Amino acid sequence: MTAQPSLTEDDITRIAARIDRPVVLVGLMGAGKSTVGRKLATLLDRDFVDADEAIEDAAQRKVSEIFEEFGEAYFRDGERRVIARLIEENSGVIATGGGAFIDPETRALILDKAIAVWIDCDIDTLVERTSRRDHRPLLKTGDPKEILTKLLDERGEFYGQAQVRVVSENGPHAQTAKTIIEAIDQWL
């Protein structure tokens, strides 16, 4: 068990004032990017945007439908454009899809214009969290534990390029959000 952050509201306000660009959450599906991101945005008094939801709004179709109809390369190209727009428009918190940070152009954009935070998580927790809903195209092709383990092996080196890394454990989302704020403070 890691030490729990003991941030006060004044600490959070002070740190939030130092954050001068969007905070972009990266990591595997199920790590908590959207859920923790909402809590993080609330604590920092910033807007929250889920990139996948913004993509679905722009495309007027589900991410899974875009994958099925047009393929992953097409999806990643559109995803990069949406994330670029969100970064330009937003100085808040942006949750990305699990594969967004793997794309070299998207990763370079995020690293240059935002603070990338890798929310890392153990595989068993990811399997449990992703089993709650059936909307993840990459998990529909086999055993989720094997797929997530393979994805982490393939993507870990890319996620590791994020300026900040925190480990999400099963516990309150507010605790992970505070851990992120503390880690950003240390990085700044």
N, C-alpha and C. Protein backbone atom coordinates (compact mmCIF):
# COMPACT_ATOMS: atom_id res chain seq x y z
N MET A 1 0.84 -1.18 0.00
CA MET A 1 0.00 0.00 0.00
C MET A 1 0.89 1.25 0.00
N THR A 2 0.58 2.16 -0.87
CA THR A 2 1.37 3.39 -0.95
C THR A 2 0.84 4.40 0.05
N ALA A 3 1.69 5.33 0.42
CA ALA A 3 1.27 6.40 1.33
C ALA A 3 0.19 7.24 0.66
N GLN A 4 -0.83 7.58 1.41
CA GLN A 4 -1.94 8.35 0.86
C GLN A 4 -1.58 9.84 0.87
N PRO A 5 -1.83 10.53 -0.24
CA PRO A 5 -1.56 11.97 -0.27
C PRO A 5 -2.40 12.69 0.78
N SER A 6 -1.81 13.69 1.40
CA SER A 6 -2.54 14.45 2.41
C SER A 6 -2.66 15.90 1.95
N LEU A 7 -3.14 16.07 0.74
CA LEU A 7 -3.29 17.41 0.18
C LEU A 7 -4.47 18.13 0.81
N THR A 8 -4.26 19.39 1.13
CA THR A 8 -5.36 20.23 1.60
C THR A 8 -5.96 20.94 0.38
N GLU A 9 -7.10 21.58 0.58
CA GLU A 9 -7.70 22.36 -0.50
C GLU A 9 -6.76 23.47 -0.94
N ASP A 10 -6.07 24.09 0.01
CA ASP A 10 -5.10 25.14 -0.34
C ASP A 10 -3.96 24.59 -1.19
N ASP A 11 -3.48 23.38 -0.84
CA ASP A 11 -2.42 22.74 -1.64
C ASP A 11 -2.90 22.54 -3.08
N ILE A 12 -4.10 22.02 -3.21
CA ILE A 12 -4.65 21.73 -4.54
C ILE A 12 -4.82 23.02 -5.34
N THR A 13 -5.31 24.07 -4.69
CA THR A 13 -5.47 25.36 -5.36
C THR A 13 -4.12 25.90 -5.82
N ARG A 14 -3.11 25.79 -4.97
CA ARG A 14 -1.76 26.26 -5.30
C ARG A 14 -1.19 25.48 -6.50
N ILE A 15 -1.35 24.16 -6.47
CA ILE A 15 -0.84 23.33 -7.57
C ILE A 15 -1.61 23.60 -8.85
N ALA A 16 -2.93 23.71 -8.75
CA ALA A 16 -3.76 23.97 -9.93
C ALA A 16 -3.33 25.26 -10.62
N ALA A 17 -2.97 26.28 -9.83
CA ALA A 17 -2.55 27.56 -10.40
C ALA A 17 -1.25 27.43 -11.19
N ARG A 18 -0.45 26.43 -10.89
CA ARG A 18 0.83 26.22 -11.58
C ARG A 18 0.65 25.42 -12.88
N ILE A 19 -0.47 24.76 -13.04
CA ILE A 19 -0.70 23.92 -14.22
C ILE A 19 -1.18 24.83 -15.35
N ASP A 20 -0.34 25.00 -16.36
CA ASP A 20 -0.61 25.98 -17.41
C ASP A 20 -0.98 25.34 -18.75
N ARG A 21 -1.30 24.07 -18.74
CA ARG A 21 -1.69 23.38 -19.97
C ARG A 21 -2.57 22.19 -19.60
N PRO A 22 -3.21 21.59 -20.59
CA PRO A 22 -4.09 20.46 -20.27
C PRO A 22 -3.33 19.30 -19.63
N VAL A 23 -4.03 18.56 -18.80
CA VAL A 23 -3.53 17.30 -18.25
C VAL A 23 -4.20 16.21 -19.08
N VAL A 24 -3.39 15.39 -19.74
CA VAL A 24 -3.91 14.34 -20.60
C VAL A 24 -3.60 12.99 -19.97
N LEU A 25 -4.65 12.23 -19.69
CA LEU A 25 -4.51 10.93 -19.05
C LEU A 25 -4.37 9.85 -20.10
N VAL A 26 -3.32 9.02 -19.94
CA VAL A 26 -3.05 7.93 -20.87
C VAL A 26 -2.93 6.63 -20.08
N GLY A 27 -3.08 5.52 -20.76
CA GLY A 27 -2.96 4.21 -20.12
C GLY A 27 -3.94 3.24 -20.74
N LEU A 28 -3.85 2.00 -20.28
CA LEU A 28 -4.71 0.95 -20.83
C LEU A 28 -6.17 1.17 -20.47
N MET A 29 -7.04 0.57 -21.26
CA MET A 29 -8.46 0.58 -20.95
C MET A 29 -8.67 -0.03 -19.57
N GLY A 30 -9.54 0.59 -18.80
CA GLY A 30 -9.82 0.10 -17.46
C GLY A 30 -8.95 0.70 -16.38
N ALA A 31 -7.94 1.50 -16.75
CA ALA A 31 -7.06 2.09 -15.74
C ALA A 31 -7.76 3.17 -14.93
N GLY A 32 -8.85 3.71 -15.47
CA GLY A 32 -9.61 4.72 -14.73
C GLY A 32 -9.46 6.12 -15.29
N LYS A 33 -9.00 6.22 -16.54
CA LYS A 33 -8.75 7.55 -17.12
C LYS A 33 -9.99 8.43 -17.10
N SER A 34 -11.12 7.90 -17.49
CA SER A 34 -12.35 8.72 -17.52
C SER A 34 -12.90 8.98 -16.12
N THR A 35 -12.97 7.96 -15.31
CA THR A 35 -13.55 8.10 -13.97
C THR A 35 -12.66 8.98 -13.09
N VAL A 36 -11.37 8.67 -13.06
CA VAL A 36 -10.44 9.47 -12.27
C VAL A 36 -10.33 10.87 -12.87
N GLY A 37 -10.37 10.95 -14.20
CA GLY A 37 -10.26 12.24 -14.88
C GLY A 37 -11.35 13.21 -14.47
N ARG A 38 -12.57 12.70 -14.34
CA ARG A 38 -13.67 13.56 -13.91
C ARG A 38 -13.41 14.10 -12.50
N LYS A 39 -12.94 13.22 -11.62
CA LYS A 39 -12.66 13.64 -10.23
C LYS A 39 -11.48 14.62 -10.21
N LEU A 40 -10.46 14.34 -11.00
CA LEU A 40 -9.29 15.22 -11.08
C LEU A 40 -9.70 16.61 -11.55
N ALA A 41 -10.53 16.65 -12.59
CA ALA A 41 -10.99 17.95 -13.12
C ALA A 41 -11.77 18.72 -12.06
N THR A 42 -12.61 18.03 -11.31
CA THR A 42 -13.37 18.68 -10.23
C THR A 42 -12.43 19.25 -9.18
N LEU A 43 -11.45 18.47 -8.76
CA LEU A 43 -10.50 18.94 -7.74
C LEU A 43 -9.71 20.15 -8.22
N LEU A 44 -9.33 20.14 -9.51
CA LEU A 44 -8.54 21.25 -10.07
C LEU A 44 -9.40 22.42 -10.53
N ASP A 45 -10.73 22.24 -10.47
CA ASP A 45 -11.68 23.24 -10.96
C ASP A 45 -11.45 23.53 -12.45
N ARG A 46 -11.37 22.45 -13.22
CA ARG A 46 -11.15 22.52 -14.67
C ARG A 46 -12.23 21.72 -15.39
N ASP A 47 -12.30 21.92 -16.70
CA ASP A 47 -13.20 21.13 -17.52
C ASP A 47 -12.64 19.73 -17.69
N PHE A 48 -13.53 18.77 -17.95
CA PHE A 48 -13.13 17.40 -18.27
C PHE A 48 -13.70 17.03 -19.62
N VAL A 49 -12.89 16.38 -20.45
CA VAL A 49 -13.36 15.87 -21.73
C VAL A 49 -12.83 14.46 -21.91
N ASP A 50 -13.71 13.55 -22.29
CA ASP A 50 -13.31 12.19 -22.67
C ASP A 50 -13.14 12.20 -24.18
N ALA A 51 -11.92 11.95 -24.66
CA ALA A 51 -11.63 12.02 -26.09
C ALA A 51 -12.50 11.06 -26.90
N ASP A 52 -12.75 9.86 -26.37
CA ASP A 52 -13.60 8.92 -27.10
C ASP A 52 -15.01 9.46 -27.27
N GLU A 53 -15.54 10.12 -26.22
CA GLU A 53 -16.87 10.72 -26.34
C GLU A 53 -16.86 11.86 -27.36
N ALA A 54 -15.78 12.65 -27.38
CA ALA A 54 -15.67 13.74 -28.35
C ALA A 54 -15.59 13.18 -29.77
N ILE A 55 -14.90 12.06 -29.94
CA ILE A 55 -14.81 11.41 -31.26
C ILE A 55 -16.19 10.92 -31.68
N GLU A 56 -16.90 10.29 -30.76
CA GLU A 56 -18.24 9.79 -31.09
C GLU A 56 -19.18 10.94 -31.44
N ASP A 57 -19.08 12.06 -30.73
CA ASP A 57 -19.90 13.22 -31.05
C ASP A 57 -19.57 13.74 -32.44
N ALA A 58 -18.28 13.84 -32.76
CA ALA A 58 -17.86 14.37 -34.06
C ALA A 58 -18.26 13.43 -35.21
N ALA A 59 -18.12 12.13 -34.97
CA ALA A 59 -18.39 11.14 -36.03
C ALA A 59 -19.85 10.70 -36.08
N GLN A 60 -20.60 11.02 -35.02
CA GLN A 60 -21.99 10.58 -34.90
C GLN A 60 -22.12 9.05 -34.99
N ARG A 61 -21.13 8.37 -34.41
CA ARG A 61 -21.17 6.91 -34.30
C ARG A 61 -20.23 6.48 -33.18
N LYS A 62 -20.41 5.26 -32.70
CA LYS A 62 -19.62 4.71 -31.61
C LYS A 62 -18.20 4.39 -32.09
N VAL A 63 -17.24 4.45 -31.15
CA VAL A 63 -15.86 4.09 -31.46
C VAL A 63 -15.81 2.68 -32.05
N SER A 64 -16.55 1.75 -31.45
CA SER A 64 -16.55 0.37 -31.94
C SER A 64 -17.03 0.29 -33.39
N GLU A 65 -18.01 1.11 -33.75
CA GLU A 65 -18.51 1.13 -35.14
C GLU A 65 -17.45 1.69 -36.10
N ILE A 66 -16.72 2.71 -35.66
CA ILE A 66 -15.66 3.27 -36.50
C ILE A 66 -14.59 2.22 -36.73
N PHE A 67 -14.19 1.52 -35.66
CA PHE A 67 -13.20 0.44 -35.77
C PHE A 67 -13.66 -0.61 -36.77
N GLU A 68 -14.92 -1.07 -36.61
CA GLU A 68 -15.45 -2.15 -37.45
C GLU A 68 -15.56 -1.73 -38.91
N GLU A 69 -16.05 -0.51 -39.15
CA GLU A 69 -16.32 -0.07 -40.51
C GLU A 69 -15.08 0.41 -41.25
N PHE A 70 -14.19 1.13 -40.54
CA PHE A 70 -13.07 1.78 -41.23
C PHE A 70 -11.69 1.28 -40.82
N GLY A 71 -11.61 0.56 -39.69
CA GLY A 71 -10.32 0.04 -39.23
C GLY A 71 -9.62 0.95 -38.25
N GLU A 72 -8.58 0.41 -37.61
CA GLU A 72 -7.89 1.14 -36.55
C GLU A 72 -7.11 2.34 -37.09
N ALA A 73 -6.46 2.21 -38.25
CA ALA A 73 -5.65 3.33 -38.78
C ALA A 73 -6.52 4.56 -39.01
N TYR A 74 -7.68 4.35 -39.59
CA TYR A 74 -8.62 5.46 -39.84
C TYR A 74 -9.04 6.09 -38.51
N PHE A 75 -9.37 5.22 -37.53
CA PHE A 75 -9.77 5.72 -36.23
C PHE A 75 -8.67 6.55 -35.59
N ARG A 76 -7.42 6.05 -35.61
CA ARG A 76 -6.30 6.76 -34.96
C ARG A 76 -6.06 8.13 -35.61
N ASP A 77 -6.26 8.24 -36.91
CA ASP A 77 -6.09 9.51 -37.59
C ASP A 77 -7.13 10.53 -37.08
N GLY A 78 -8.37 10.10 -37.01
CA GLY A 78 -9.43 10.97 -36.49
C GLY A 78 -9.23 11.29 -35.02
N GLU A 79 -8.77 10.30 -34.27
CA GLU A 79 -8.51 10.49 -32.85
C GLU A 79 -7.45 11.57 -32.64
N ARG A 80 -6.38 11.54 -33.43
CA ARG A 80 -5.31 12.53 -33.33
C ARG A 80 -5.84 13.94 -33.59
N ARG A 81 -6.68 14.09 -34.60
CA ARG A 81 -7.25 15.40 -34.90
C ARG A 81 -8.14 15.90 -33.77
N VAL A 82 -8.93 15.02 -33.20
CA VAL A 82 -9.82 15.42 -32.09
C VAL A 82 -8.99 15.79 -30.87
N ILE A 83 -7.97 15.00 -30.53
CA ILE A 83 -7.13 15.32 -29.37
C ILE A 83 -6.41 16.64 -29.58
N ALA A 84 -5.93 16.90 -30.79
CA ALA A 84 -5.27 18.19 -31.09
C ALA A 84 -6.25 19.34 -30.85
N ARG A 85 -7.48 19.17 -31.30
CA ARG A 85 -8.49 20.22 -31.10
C ARG A 85 -8.79 20.41 -29.61
N LEU A 86 -8.92 19.31 -28.89
CA LEU A 86 -9.22 19.40 -27.46
C LEU A 86 -8.09 20.09 -26.70
N ILE A 87 -6.86 19.80 -27.05
CA ILE A 87 -5.72 20.43 -26.39
C ILE A 87 -5.71 21.93 -26.67
N GLU A 88 -6.01 22.30 -27.91
CA GLU A 88 -6.04 23.73 -28.26
C GLU A 88 -7.16 24.48 -27.56
N GLU A 89 -8.30 23.83 -27.38
CA GLU A 89 -9.49 24.48 -26.82
C GLU A 89 -9.55 24.42 -25.31
N ASN A 90 -8.78 23.54 -24.68
CA ASN A 90 -9.07 23.16 -23.31
C ASN A 90 -7.81 23.19 -22.46
N SER A 91 -7.89 23.82 -21.32
CA SER A 91 -6.76 23.75 -20.39
C SER A 91 -7.14 22.91 -19.18
N GLY A 92 -8.02 21.95 -19.40
CA GLY A 92 -8.50 21.10 -18.32
C GLY A 92 -7.88 19.72 -18.34
N VAL A 93 -8.73 18.73 -18.15
CA VAL A 93 -8.30 17.33 -18.08
C VAL A 93 -8.93 16.59 -19.25
N ILE A 94 -8.10 15.83 -19.98
CA ILE A 94 -8.55 15.08 -21.14
C ILE A 94 -8.20 13.61 -20.92
N ALA A 95 -9.19 12.74 -20.99
CA ALA A 95 -8.95 11.30 -20.93
C ALA A 95 -8.88 10.78 -22.36
N THR A 96 -7.84 10.01 -22.66
CA THR A 96 -7.69 9.46 -24.01
C THR A 96 -8.04 7.98 -24.02
N GLY A 97 -8.28 7.46 -25.21
CA GLY A 97 -8.44 6.02 -25.37
C GLY A 97 -7.10 5.34 -25.14
N GLY A 98 -7.14 4.06 -24.83
CA GLY A 98 -5.93 3.32 -24.49
C GLY A 98 -4.84 3.32 -25.55
N GLY A 99 -5.22 3.44 -26.82
CA GLY A 99 -4.23 3.38 -27.89
C GLY A 99 -3.75 4.73 -28.39
N ALA A 100 -4.35 5.80 -27.92
CA ALA A 100 -4.04 7.13 -28.45
C ALA A 100 -2.55 7.48 -28.31
N PHE A 101 -1.96 7.21 -27.16
CA PHE A 101 -0.59 7.63 -26.87
C PHE A 101 0.44 6.77 -27.60
N ILE A 102 -0.02 5.69 -28.22
CA ILE A 102 0.88 4.79 -28.95
C ILE A 102 1.20 5.39 -30.32
N ASP A 103 0.28 6.14 -30.87
CA ASP A 103 0.50 6.78 -32.16
C ASP A 103 1.60 7.84 -32.00
N PRO A 104 2.68 7.75 -32.80
CA PRO A 104 3.82 8.67 -32.60
C PRO A 104 3.44 10.15 -32.72
N GLU A 105 2.59 10.50 -33.67
CA GLU A 105 2.21 11.90 -33.84
C GLU A 105 1.35 12.39 -32.68
N THR A 106 0.42 11.57 -32.25
CA THR A 106 -0.44 11.93 -31.12
C THR A 106 0.40 12.06 -29.86
N ARG A 107 1.31 11.12 -29.64
CA ARG A 107 2.17 11.16 -28.45
C ARG A 107 3.03 12.43 -28.46
N ALA A 108 3.63 12.75 -29.59
CA ALA A 108 4.47 13.96 -29.69
C ALA A 108 3.65 15.21 -29.39
N LEU A 109 2.44 15.27 -29.91
CA LEU A 109 1.54 16.40 -29.67
C LEU A 109 1.25 16.55 -28.18
N ILE A 110 0.89 15.44 -27.54
CA ILE A 110 0.55 15.47 -26.12
C ILE A 110 1.77 15.87 -25.29
N LEU A 111 2.92 15.29 -25.58
CA LEU A 111 4.12 15.59 -24.80
C LEU A 111 4.56 17.04 -24.97
N ASP A 112 4.28 17.61 -26.14
CA ASP A 112 4.69 18.98 -26.42
C ASP A 112 3.73 20.02 -25.83
N LYS A 113 2.44 19.73 -25.83
CA LYS A 113 1.46 20.75 -25.50
C LYS A 113 0.63 20.47 -24.25
N ALA A 114 0.94 19.38 -23.55
CA ALA A 114 0.14 19.01 -22.37
C ALA A 114 1.04 18.34 -21.34
N ILE A 115 0.45 17.97 -20.24
CA ILE A 115 1.13 17.13 -19.26
C ILE A 115 0.51 15.74 -19.38
N ALA A 116 1.30 14.78 -19.85
CA ALA A 116 0.81 13.41 -19.99
C ALA A 116 0.96 12.69 -18.65
N VAL A 117 -0.12 12.08 -18.20
CA VAL A 117 -0.11 11.30 -16.97
C VAL A 117 -0.50 9.87 -17.30
N TRP A 118 0.44 8.94 -17.08
CA TRP A 118 0.16 7.52 -17.29
C TRP A 118 -0.46 6.98 -16.02
N ILE A 119 -1.72 6.55 -16.12
CA ILE A 119 -2.36 5.84 -15.02
C ILE A 119 -2.09 4.36 -15.25
N ASP A 120 -1.17 3.82 -14.48
CA ASP A 120 -0.77 2.42 -14.58
C ASP A 120 -1.64 1.62 -13.62
N CYS A 121 -1.82 0.35 -13.92
CA CYS A 121 -2.71 -0.47 -13.12
C CYS A 121 -2.34 -1.93 -13.33
N ASP A 122 -2.51 -2.77 -12.30
CA ASP A 122 -2.18 -4.18 -12.49
C ASP A 122 -3.24 -4.87 -13.37
N ILE A 123 -2.81 -5.93 -14.03
CA ILE A 123 -3.65 -6.60 -15.03
C ILE A 123 -4.94 -7.15 -14.43
N ASP A 124 -4.88 -7.77 -13.26
CA ASP A 124 -6.10 -8.34 -12.67
C ASP A 124 -7.16 -7.27 -12.41
N THR A 125 -6.73 -6.10 -11.96
CA THR A 125 -7.67 -4.99 -11.75
C THR A 125 -8.25 -4.53 -13.08
N LEU A 126 -7.40 -4.45 -14.11
CA LEU A 126 -7.88 -4.05 -15.44
C LEU A 126 -8.92 -5.03 -15.95
N VAL A 127 -8.67 -6.34 -15.79
CA VAL A 127 -9.61 -7.36 -16.25
C VAL A 127 -10.95 -7.20 -15.53
N GLU A 128 -10.89 -7.00 -14.23
CA GLU A 128 -12.12 -6.84 -13.45
C GLU A 128 -12.89 -5.60 -13.90
N ARG A 129 -12.18 -4.49 -14.06
CA ARG A 129 -12.85 -3.24 -14.44
C ARG A 129 -13.42 -3.31 -15.86
N THR A 130 -12.68 -3.88 -16.80
CA THR A 130 -13.15 -3.91 -18.19
C THR A 130 -14.27 -4.92 -18.39
N SER A 131 -14.43 -5.86 -17.46
CA SER A 131 -15.50 -6.86 -17.60
C SER A 131 -16.87 -6.28 -17.28
N ARG A 132 -16.90 -5.09 -16.70
CA ARG A 132 -18.17 -4.49 -16.28
C ARG A 132 -19.02 -4.01 -17.45
N ARG A 133 -18.36 -3.70 -18.59
CA ARG A 133 -19.10 -3.19 -19.75
C ARG A 133 -18.54 -3.84 -21.00
N ASP A 134 -19.42 -3.99 -22.00
CA ASP A 134 -19.04 -4.72 -23.22
C ASP A 134 -18.94 -3.75 -24.41
N HIS A 135 -18.00 -2.79 -24.33
CA HIS A 135 -17.91 -1.80 -25.41
C HIS A 135 -16.48 -1.61 -25.91
N ARG A 136 -15.61 -2.55 -25.60
CA ARG A 136 -14.19 -2.39 -25.94
C ARG A 136 -13.84 -3.32 -27.10
N PRO A 137 -13.67 -2.75 -28.31
CA PRO A 137 -13.45 -3.58 -29.50
C PRO A 137 -12.25 -4.52 -29.39
N LEU A 138 -11.19 -4.08 -28.77
CA LEU A 138 -9.98 -4.91 -28.70
C LEU A 138 -10.12 -6.10 -27.75
N LEU A 139 -11.11 -6.08 -26.88
CA LEU A 139 -11.30 -7.20 -25.95
C LEU A 139 -12.31 -8.22 -26.45
N LYS A 140 -12.87 -7.99 -27.62
CA LYS A 140 -13.89 -8.89 -28.15
C LYS A 140 -13.28 -10.05 -28.95
N THR A 141 -11.94 -10.10 -29.02
CA THR A 141 -11.29 -11.07 -29.89
C THR A 141 -10.64 -12.23 -29.15
N GLY A 142 -10.81 -12.32 -27.81
CA GLY A 142 -10.19 -13.42 -27.08
C GLY A 142 -10.25 -13.20 -25.58
N ASP A 143 -9.35 -13.87 -24.87
CA ASP A 143 -9.28 -13.80 -23.41
C ASP A 143 -8.80 -12.42 -22.96
N PRO A 144 -9.63 -11.68 -22.21
CA PRO A 144 -9.26 -10.32 -21.82
C PRO A 144 -7.92 -10.22 -21.08
N LYS A 145 -7.63 -11.17 -20.18
CA LYS A 145 -6.37 -11.11 -19.44
C LYS A 145 -5.18 -11.23 -20.39
N GLU A 146 -5.26 -12.17 -21.32
CA GLU A 146 -4.17 -12.33 -22.30
C GLU A 146 -4.03 -11.08 -23.17
N ILE A 147 -5.15 -10.54 -23.61
CA ILE A 147 -5.13 -9.35 -24.48
C ILE A 147 -4.55 -8.15 -23.73
N LEU A 148 -5.01 -7.93 -22.50
CA LEU A 148 -4.52 -6.79 -21.72
C LEU A 148 -3.04 -6.93 -21.38
N THR A 149 -2.61 -8.16 -21.07
CA THR A 149 -1.19 -8.40 -20.79
C THR A 149 -0.35 -8.11 -22.03
N LYS A 150 -0.82 -8.57 -23.18
CA LYS A 150 -0.10 -8.32 -24.44
C LYS A 150 -0.07 -6.82 -24.75
N LEU A 151 -1.21 -6.14 -24.56
CA LEU A 151 -1.26 -4.69 -24.81
C LEU A 151 -0.29 -3.94 -23.91
N LEU A 152 -0.23 -4.33 -22.63
CA LEU A 152 0.69 -3.66 -21.72
C LEU A 152 2.14 -3.90 -22.14
N ASP A 153 2.44 -5.13 -22.56
CA ASP A 153 3.79 -5.43 -23.04
C ASP A 153 4.14 -4.57 -24.26
N GLU A 154 3.18 -4.41 -25.16
CA GLU A 154 3.41 -3.64 -26.40
C GLU A 154 3.44 -2.14 -26.14
N ARG A 155 2.62 -1.67 -25.21
CA ARG A 155 2.42 -0.23 -25.04
C ARG A 155 3.19 0.38 -23.87
N GLY A 156 3.66 -0.44 -22.96
CA GLY A 156 4.31 0.06 -21.76
C GLY A 156 5.44 1.04 -22.04
N GLU A 157 6.28 0.75 -23.04
CA GLU A 157 7.40 1.65 -23.35
C GLU A 157 6.90 3.02 -23.82
N PHE A 158 5.75 3.05 -24.48
CA PHE A 158 5.19 4.32 -24.94
C PHE A 158 4.57 5.08 -23.76
N TYR A 159 3.75 4.37 -22.96
CA TYR A 159 3.17 5.01 -21.78
C TYR A 159 4.27 5.55 -20.87
N GLY A 160 5.38 4.83 -20.80
CA GLY A 160 6.50 5.23 -19.96
C GLY A 160 7.13 6.57 -20.35
N GLN A 161 6.79 7.09 -21.53
CA GLN A 161 7.30 8.39 -21.96
C GLN A 161 6.49 9.55 -21.38
N ALA A 162 5.38 9.25 -20.74
CA ALA A 162 4.57 10.31 -20.11
C ALA A 162 5.42 11.00 -19.05
N GLN A 163 5.17 12.30 -18.87
CA GLN A 163 5.94 13.06 -17.89
C GLN A 163 5.67 12.58 -16.46
N VAL A 164 4.48 12.04 -16.22
CA VAL A 164 4.07 11.64 -14.88
C VAL A 164 3.48 10.23 -14.95
N ARG A 165 3.79 9.40 -13.96
CA ARG A 165 3.21 8.06 -13.86
C ARG A 165 2.68 7.86 -12.45
N VAL A 166 1.44 7.39 -12.36
CA VAL A 166 0.88 7.01 -11.07
C VAL A 166 0.28 5.61 -11.20
N VAL A 167 0.22 4.92 -10.09
CA VAL A 167 -0.37 3.58 -10.08
C VAL A 167 -1.75 3.69 -9.47
N SER A 168 -2.74 3.22 -10.22
CA SER A 168 -4.13 3.22 -9.75
C SER A 168 -4.39 1.89 -9.05
N GLU A 169 -4.85 1.99 -7.83
CA GLU A 169 -5.19 0.79 -7.07
C GLU A 169 -6.70 0.79 -6.85
N ASN A 170 -7.22 -0.37 -6.46
CA ASN A 170 -8.64 -0.40 -6.13
C ASN A 170 -8.86 0.44 -4.89
N GLY A 171 -9.57 1.50 -5.05
CA GLY A 171 -9.82 2.41 -3.94
C GLY A 171 -10.57 3.60 -4.48
N PRO A 172 -10.78 4.59 -3.64
CA PRO A 172 -11.53 5.76 -4.07
C PRO A 172 -10.84 6.50 -5.22
N HIS A 173 -11.62 6.91 -6.21
CA HIS A 173 -11.08 7.65 -7.36
C HIS A 173 -10.46 8.96 -6.91
N ALA A 174 -11.03 9.56 -5.87
CA ALA A 174 -10.48 10.82 -5.37
C ALA A 174 -9.05 10.63 -4.90
N GLN A 175 -8.73 9.45 -4.36
CA GLN A 175 -7.38 9.19 -3.88
C GLN A 175 -6.40 9.15 -5.06
N THR A 176 -6.79 8.48 -6.15
CA THR A 176 -5.93 8.44 -7.33
C THR A 176 -5.79 9.84 -7.91
N ALA A 177 -6.87 10.61 -7.93
CA ALA A 177 -6.81 11.99 -8.44
C ALA A 177 -5.84 12.82 -7.61
N LYS A 178 -5.88 12.68 -6.30
CA LYS A 178 -4.96 13.43 -5.44
C LYS A 178 -3.52 12.97 -5.65
N THR A 179 -3.33 11.68 -5.88
CA THR A 179 -1.99 11.16 -6.16
C THR A 179 -1.45 11.79 -7.45
N ILE A 180 -2.33 11.96 -8.44
CA ILE A 180 -1.94 12.60 -9.70
C ILE A 180 -1.54 14.06 -9.45
N ILE A 181 -2.33 14.77 -8.67
CA ILE A 181 -2.03 16.18 -8.37
C ILE A 181 -0.66 16.29 -7.69
N GLU A 182 -0.41 15.41 -6.72
CA GLU A 182 0.87 15.42 -6.03
C GLU A 182 2.02 15.12 -6.99
N ALA A 183 1.81 14.16 -7.87
CA ALA A 183 2.86 13.78 -8.83
C ALA A 183 3.13 14.90 -9.83
N ILE A 184 2.09 15.59 -10.26
CA ILE A 184 2.27 16.74 -11.16
C ILE A 184 3.04 17.83 -10.43
N ASP A 185 2.69 18.07 -9.17
CA ASP A 185 3.39 19.07 -8.38
C ASP A 185 4.88 18.76 -8.30
N GLN A 186 5.22 17.51 -8.08
CA GLN A 186 6.63 17.10 -8.02
C GLN A 186 7.29 17.28 -9.38
N TRP A 187 6.58 16.96 -10.45
CA TRP A 187 7.15 17.08 -11.80
C TRP A 187 7.38 18.55 -12.18
N LEU A 188 6.41 19.42 -11.80
CA LEU A 188 6.54 20.84 -12.14
C LEU A 188 7.73 21.44 -11.42
